[in-house]
Amino acid sequence: MKQYCLALDLVDDPALIAEYIHWHKSEHVWPEIKRSITDCGITNMEIYHTGNRLFMIMQTTDDFSFETKGAMDAANPKVQQWEALMWKFQQALPSGKPGEKWVLMDKIFQL
């Protein structure tokens, strides 16, 4: 099993943040999105928020790769529709590359 931590910012608008949270309640996430997550080898995903900052923890199979996930997402029209909807709420981190959403974080401590 592998584990990854990623960060992303939301547009700093309370109404947009509330709507983003609404879309991420289990009953509102489209089934095709849940399937796209598990089909690529993600076994568990959690997203936390504070203010307008998001933090994601992903646990994956050993053979998971971001490149494969990206290719699968690019070929899936429903995922592309979801991602277009989510950009309404999201903004790249200042340290991110142009067009990059979630930024992989480096582990600096473990107990």
N, C-alpha and C. Protein backbone atom coordinates (compact mmCIF):
# COMPACT_ATOMS: atom_id res chain seq x y z
N MET A 1 0.84 -1.18 0.00
CA MET A 1 0.00 0.00 0.00
C MET A 1 0.88 1.25 0.00
N LYS A 2 0.46 2.25 -0.76
CA LYS A 2 1.11 3.55 -0.77
C LYS A 2 0.15 4.58 -0.18
N GLN A 3 0.71 5.67 0.30
CA GLN A 3 -0.11 6.76 0.82
C GLN A 3 0.42 8.08 0.28
N TYR A 4 -0.49 8.94 -0.15
CA TYR A 4 -0.13 10.24 -0.69
C TYR A 4 -0.96 11.30 0.02
N CYS A 5 -0.37 12.48 0.20
CA CYS A 5 -1.07 13.62 0.76
C CYS A 5 -0.95 14.76 -0.23
N LEU A 6 -2.09 15.41 -0.48
CA LEU A 6 -2.13 16.48 -1.47
C LEU A 6 -2.89 17.67 -0.89
N ALA A 7 -2.61 18.86 -1.43
CA ALA A 7 -3.28 20.08 -0.96
C ALA A 7 -3.83 20.86 -2.16
N LEU A 8 -4.86 21.63 -1.89
CA LEU A 8 -5.50 22.48 -2.89
C LEU A 8 -6.23 23.58 -2.16
N ASP A 9 -6.36 24.73 -2.78
CA ASP A 9 -7.15 25.82 -2.21
C ASP A 9 -8.48 25.93 -2.92
N LEU A 10 -9.47 26.41 -2.18
CA LEU A 10 -10.76 26.77 -2.76
C LEU A 10 -10.81 28.29 -2.91
N VAL A 11 -11.66 28.75 -3.81
CA VAL A 11 -11.93 30.17 -3.90
C VAL A 11 -12.44 30.60 -2.52
N ASP A 12 -11.90 31.69 -2.00
CA ASP A 12 -12.20 32.11 -0.64
C ASP A 12 -13.55 32.85 -0.59
N ASP A 13 -14.61 32.07 -0.76
CA ASP A 13 -15.97 32.59 -0.76
C ASP A 13 -16.82 31.59 0.02
N PRO A 14 -17.40 32.00 1.15
CA PRO A 14 -18.14 31.05 1.99
C PRO A 14 -19.25 30.29 1.25
N ALA A 15 -19.95 30.95 0.34
CA ALA A 15 -21.03 30.28 -0.39
C ALA A 15 -20.47 29.20 -1.32
N LEU A 16 -19.36 29.50 -2.01
CA LEU A 16 -18.75 28.52 -2.90
C LEU A 16 -18.16 27.35 -2.10
N ILE A 17 -17.56 27.65 -0.95
CA ILE A 17 -17.01 26.58 -0.11
C ILE A 17 -18.13 25.67 0.36
N ALA A 18 -19.24 26.24 0.78
CA ALA A 18 -20.39 25.43 1.22
C ALA A 18 -20.90 24.56 0.08
N GLU A 19 -20.94 25.10 -1.12
CA GLU A 19 -21.41 24.30 -2.27
C GLU A 19 -20.42 23.18 -2.59
N TYR A 20 -19.13 23.47 -2.50
CA TYR A 20 -18.12 22.45 -2.74
C TYR A 20 -18.27 21.31 -1.74
N ILE A 21 -18.47 21.65 -0.49
CA ILE A 21 -18.67 20.63 0.55
C ILE A 21 -19.93 19.82 0.24
N HIS A 22 -20.99 20.49 -0.19
CA HIS A 22 -22.21 19.79 -0.59
C HIS A 22 -21.93 18.74 -1.65
N TRP A 23 -21.19 19.11 -2.70
CA TRP A 23 -20.88 18.17 -3.79
C TRP A 23 -20.04 16.99 -3.32
N HIS A 24 -19.33 17.15 -2.21
CA HIS A 24 -18.45 16.08 -1.73
C HIS A 24 -19.06 15.23 -0.62
N LYS A 25 -20.30 15.48 -0.27
CA LYS A 25 -21.00 14.55 0.62
C LYS A 25 -21.25 13.28 -0.18
N SER A 26 -21.12 12.16 0.47
CA SER A 26 -21.18 10.87 -0.22
C SER A 26 -22.38 10.72 -1.14
N GLU A 27 -23.53 11.22 -0.71
CA GLU A 27 -24.75 11.04 -1.51
C GLU A 27 -24.79 11.95 -2.74
N HIS A 28 -23.89 12.94 -2.83
CA HIS A 28 -23.90 13.85 -3.97
C HIS A 28 -22.77 13.61 -4.96
N VAL A 29 -21.76 12.84 -4.56
CA VAL A 29 -20.67 12.52 -5.50
C VAL A 29 -21.23 11.55 -6.54
N TRP A 30 -21.04 11.88 -7.80
CA TRP A 30 -21.56 11.04 -8.87
C TRP A 30 -20.97 9.64 -8.78
N PRO A 31 -21.76 8.61 -9.02
CA PRO A 31 -21.25 7.23 -8.94
C PRO A 31 -20.10 6.98 -9.92
N GLU A 32 -20.11 7.64 -11.06
CA GLU A 32 -19.02 7.46 -12.03
C GLU A 32 -17.71 8.00 -11.47
N ILE A 33 -17.78 9.02 -10.63
CA ILE A 33 -16.57 9.59 -10.03
C ILE A 33 -16.02 8.63 -8.98
N LYS A 34 -16.90 8.09 -8.15
CA LYS A 34 -16.45 7.10 -7.17
C LYS A 34 -15.80 5.91 -7.87
N ARG A 35 -16.43 5.45 -8.96
CA ARG A 35 -15.89 4.31 -9.70
C ARG A 35 -14.53 4.65 -10.31
N SER A 36 -14.38 5.86 -10.84
CA SER A 36 -13.10 6.25 -11.44
C SER A 36 -11.99 6.29 -10.39
N ILE A 37 -12.34 6.61 -9.17
CA ILE A 37 -11.36 6.65 -8.08
C ILE A 37 -10.89 5.24 -7.75
N THR A 38 -11.82 4.34 -7.58
CA THR A 38 -11.45 2.98 -7.18
C THR A 38 -10.85 2.17 -8.34
N ASP A 39 -11.30 2.44 -9.57
CA ASP A 39 -10.81 1.68 -10.72
C ASP A 39 -9.32 1.87 -10.99
N CYS A 40 -8.75 2.97 -10.52
CA CYS A 40 -7.34 3.23 -10.80
C CYS A 40 -6.42 2.76 -9.67
N GLY A 41 -6.99 2.19 -8.62
CA GLY A 41 -6.16 1.66 -7.54
C GLY A 41 -6.16 2.48 -6.27
N ILE A 42 -7.02 3.46 -6.18
CA ILE A 42 -7.16 4.21 -4.91
C ILE A 42 -8.11 3.41 -4.03
N THR A 43 -7.61 2.99 -2.87
CA THR A 43 -8.40 2.15 -1.97
C THR A 43 -9.11 2.95 -0.88
N ASN A 44 -8.59 4.13 -0.58
CA ASN A 44 -9.23 5.00 0.40
C ASN A 44 -8.84 6.43 0.08
N MET A 45 -9.80 7.33 0.22
CA MET A 45 -9.54 8.75 -0.02
C MET A 45 -10.32 9.54 1.02
N GLU A 46 -9.63 10.48 1.65
CA GLU A 46 -10.26 11.38 2.61
C GLU A 46 -9.86 12.80 2.24
N ILE A 47 -10.82 13.73 2.32
CA ILE A 47 -10.53 15.15 2.08
C ILE A 47 -10.97 15.92 3.32
N TYR A 48 -10.07 16.77 3.80
CA TYR A 48 -10.33 17.62 4.96
C TYR A 48 -10.24 19.07 4.50
N HIS A 49 -10.91 19.95 5.24
CA HIS A 49 -10.79 21.37 4.90
C HIS A 49 -10.72 22.22 6.16
N THR A 50 -10.04 23.34 6.00
CA THR A 50 -10.03 24.40 6.99
C THR A 50 -9.97 25.71 6.21
N GLY A 51 -10.85 26.62 6.54
CA GLY A 51 -10.89 27.87 5.76
C GLY A 51 -11.12 27.54 4.29
N ASN A 52 -10.20 27.97 3.45
CA ASN A 52 -10.31 27.63 2.03
C ASN A 52 -9.24 26.62 1.58
N ARG A 53 -8.57 25.99 2.54
CA ARG A 53 -7.52 25.01 2.22
C ARG A 53 -8.08 23.61 2.33
N LEU A 54 -7.75 22.76 1.35
CA LEU A 54 -8.13 21.35 1.35
C LEU A 54 -6.89 20.49 1.51
N PHE A 55 -7.06 19.36 2.17
CA PHE A 55 -5.99 18.39 2.37
C PHE A 55 -6.57 17.02 2.06
N MET A 56 -5.93 16.28 1.16
CA MET A 56 -6.40 14.96 0.76
C MET A 56 -5.38 13.89 1.16
N ILE A 57 -5.88 12.80 1.71
CA ILE A 57 -5.06 11.63 1.99
C ILE A 57 -5.59 10.51 1.10
N MET A 58 -4.69 9.93 0.31
CA MET A 58 -5.06 8.81 -0.56
C MET A 58 -4.23 7.59 -0.19
N GLN A 59 -4.89 6.48 -0.04
CA GLN A 59 -4.21 5.20 0.12
C GLN A 59 -4.47 4.42 -1.16
N THR A 60 -3.42 3.81 -1.69
CA THR A 60 -3.52 3.18 -3.00
C THR A 60 -2.87 1.80 -2.99
N THR A 61 -3.15 1.06 -4.05
CA THR A 61 -2.43 -0.19 -4.27
C THR A 61 -0.98 0.15 -4.61
N ASP A 62 -0.12 -0.86 -4.51
CA ASP A 62 1.30 -0.63 -4.79
C ASP A 62 1.57 -0.25 -6.24
N ASP A 63 0.70 -0.67 -7.16
CA ASP A 63 0.94 -0.37 -8.57
C ASP A 63 0.25 0.92 -9.04
N PHE A 64 -0.33 1.69 -8.14
CA PHE A 64 -0.97 2.96 -8.50
C PHE A 64 0.05 3.93 -9.07
N SER A 65 -0.37 4.70 -10.10
CA SER A 65 0.47 5.80 -10.59
C SER A 65 -0.42 6.97 -10.98
N PHE A 66 0.09 8.17 -10.74
CA PHE A 66 -0.65 9.37 -11.11
C PHE A 66 -0.77 9.48 -12.63
N GLU A 67 0.21 8.97 -13.36
CA GLU A 67 0.17 9.02 -14.82
C GLU A 67 -0.98 8.17 -15.35
N THR A 68 -1.14 6.97 -14.81
CA THR A 68 -2.24 6.10 -15.23
C THR A 68 -3.57 6.71 -14.85
N LYS A 69 -3.67 7.25 -13.64
CA LYS A 69 -4.90 7.90 -13.20
C LYS A 69 -5.24 9.07 -14.12
N GLY A 70 -4.25 9.87 -14.46
CA GLY A 70 -4.46 11.01 -15.35
C GLY A 70 -4.95 10.59 -16.72
N ALA A 71 -4.38 9.52 -17.27
CA ALA A 71 -4.80 9.03 -18.58
C ALA A 71 -6.22 8.49 -18.52
N MET A 72 -6.54 7.76 -17.47
CA MET A 72 -7.90 7.24 -17.31
C MET A 72 -8.91 8.39 -17.19
N ASP A 73 -8.56 9.41 -16.42
CA ASP A 73 -9.45 10.56 -16.25
C ASP A 73 -9.64 11.32 -17.56
N ALA A 74 -8.56 11.48 -18.31
CA ALA A 74 -8.64 12.21 -19.59
C ALA A 74 -9.55 11.50 -20.58
N ALA A 75 -9.63 10.18 -20.48
CA ALA A 75 -10.44 9.39 -21.40
C ALA A 75 -11.89 9.20 -20.92
N ASN A 76 -12.21 9.76 -19.76
CA ASN A 76 -13.53 9.55 -19.17
C ASN A 76 -14.34 10.86 -19.22
N PRO A 77 -15.33 10.97 -20.11
CA PRO A 77 -16.09 12.22 -20.24
C PRO A 77 -16.79 12.65 -18.95
N LYS A 78 -17.25 11.70 -18.15
CA LYS A 78 -17.93 12.06 -16.91
C LYS A 78 -16.95 12.68 -15.92
N VAL A 79 -15.73 12.15 -15.85
CA VAL A 79 -14.71 12.73 -14.98
C VAL A 79 -14.38 14.15 -15.47
N GLN A 80 -14.27 14.32 -16.78
CA GLN A 80 -13.98 15.64 -17.32
C GLN A 80 -15.09 16.64 -16.98
N GLN A 81 -16.33 16.18 -17.03
CA GLN A 81 -17.47 17.03 -16.66
C GLN A 81 -17.39 17.42 -15.18
N TRP A 82 -17.08 16.44 -14.32
CA TRP A 82 -16.94 16.70 -12.88
C TRP A 82 -15.81 17.70 -12.63
N GLU A 83 -14.67 17.48 -13.28
CA GLU A 83 -13.52 18.37 -13.06
C GLU A 83 -13.83 19.80 -13.50
N ALA A 84 -14.55 19.95 -14.61
CA ALA A 84 -14.94 21.28 -15.06
C ALA A 84 -15.85 21.96 -14.03
N LEU A 85 -16.77 21.19 -13.46
CA LEU A 85 -17.64 21.73 -12.41
C LEU A 85 -16.83 22.13 -11.18
N MET A 86 -15.85 21.32 -10.78
CA MET A 86 -15.07 21.58 -9.58
C MET A 86 -14.18 22.81 -9.73
N TRP A 87 -13.73 23.14 -10.95
CA TRP A 87 -12.88 24.32 -11.14
C TRP A 87 -13.62 25.59 -10.74
N LYS A 88 -14.93 25.57 -10.70
CA LYS A 88 -15.71 26.72 -10.24
C LYS A 88 -15.34 27.09 -8.80
N PHE A 89 -14.97 26.07 -8.05
CA PHE A 89 -14.71 26.24 -6.61
C PHE A 89 -13.22 26.29 -6.28
N GLN A 90 -12.40 25.72 -7.13
CA GLN A 90 -10.99 25.49 -6.81
C GLN A 90 -10.09 26.58 -7.38
N GLN A 91 -8.97 26.77 -6.71
CA GLN A 91 -7.92 27.63 -7.25
C GLN A 91 -6.59 26.97 -6.94
N ALA A 92 -5.68 27.11 -7.85
CA ALA A 92 -4.38 26.47 -7.69
C ALA A 92 -3.63 27.07 -6.51
N LEU A 93 -2.81 26.25 -5.88
CA LEU A 93 -1.92 26.76 -4.84
C LEU A 93 -0.90 27.69 -5.49
N PRO A 94 -0.42 28.69 -4.77
CA PRO A 94 0.59 29.58 -5.35
C PRO A 94 1.84 28.83 -5.82
N SER A 95 2.15 27.72 -5.18
CA SER A 95 3.34 26.94 -5.57
C SER A 95 3.06 25.96 -6.69
N GLY A 96 1.80 25.85 -7.13
CA GLY A 96 1.43 24.90 -8.17
C GLY A 96 1.84 25.36 -9.56
N LYS A 97 1.89 24.41 -10.46
CA LYS A 97 2.17 24.70 -11.86
C LYS A 97 0.88 25.17 -12.53
N PRO A 98 0.97 25.90 -13.63
CA PRO A 98 -0.26 26.34 -14.32
C PRO A 98 -1.18 25.16 -14.64
N GLY A 99 -2.46 25.31 -14.28
CA GLY A 99 -3.44 24.26 -14.53
C GLY A 99 -3.43 23.11 -13.54
N GLU A 100 -2.47 23.09 -12.63
CA GLU A 100 -2.35 22.01 -11.65
C GLU A 100 -3.34 22.26 -10.52
N LYS A 101 -4.10 21.23 -10.19
CA LYS A 101 -5.03 21.34 -9.08
C LYS A 101 -4.35 20.86 -7.80
N TRP A 102 -4.55 19.61 -7.48
CA TRP A 102 -4.00 19.05 -6.25
C TRP A 102 -2.49 18.97 -6.36
N VAL A 103 -1.80 19.45 -5.33
CA VAL A 103 -0.34 19.44 -5.30
C VAL A 103 0.12 18.40 -4.28
N LEU A 104 0.98 17.50 -4.73
CA LEU A 104 1.53 16.46 -3.88
C LEU A 104 2.40 17.09 -2.80
N MET A 105 2.18 16.68 -1.57
CA MET A 105 2.93 17.22 -0.44
C MET A 105 4.07 16.27 -0.07
N ASP A 106 5.14 16.83 0.47
CA ASP A 106 6.28 16.05 0.93
C ASP A 106 6.14 15.77 2.41
N LYS A 107 6.35 14.51 2.79
CA LYS A 107 6.31 14.16 4.21
C LYS A 107 7.60 14.69 4.86
N ILE A 108 7.43 15.39 5.97
CA ILE A 108 8.59 15.93 6.67
C ILE A 108 8.74 15.37 8.08
N PHE A 109 7.73 14.62 8.56
CA PHE A 109 7.80 14.06 9.89
C PHE A 109 6.91 12.84 9.99
N GLN A 110 7.36 11.86 10.77
CA GLN A 110 6.54 10.71 11.10
C GLN A 110 6.96 10.23 12.48
N LEU A 111 5.99 9.93 13.31
CA LEU A 111 6.25 9.44 14.67
C LEU A 111 6.26 7.93 14.65
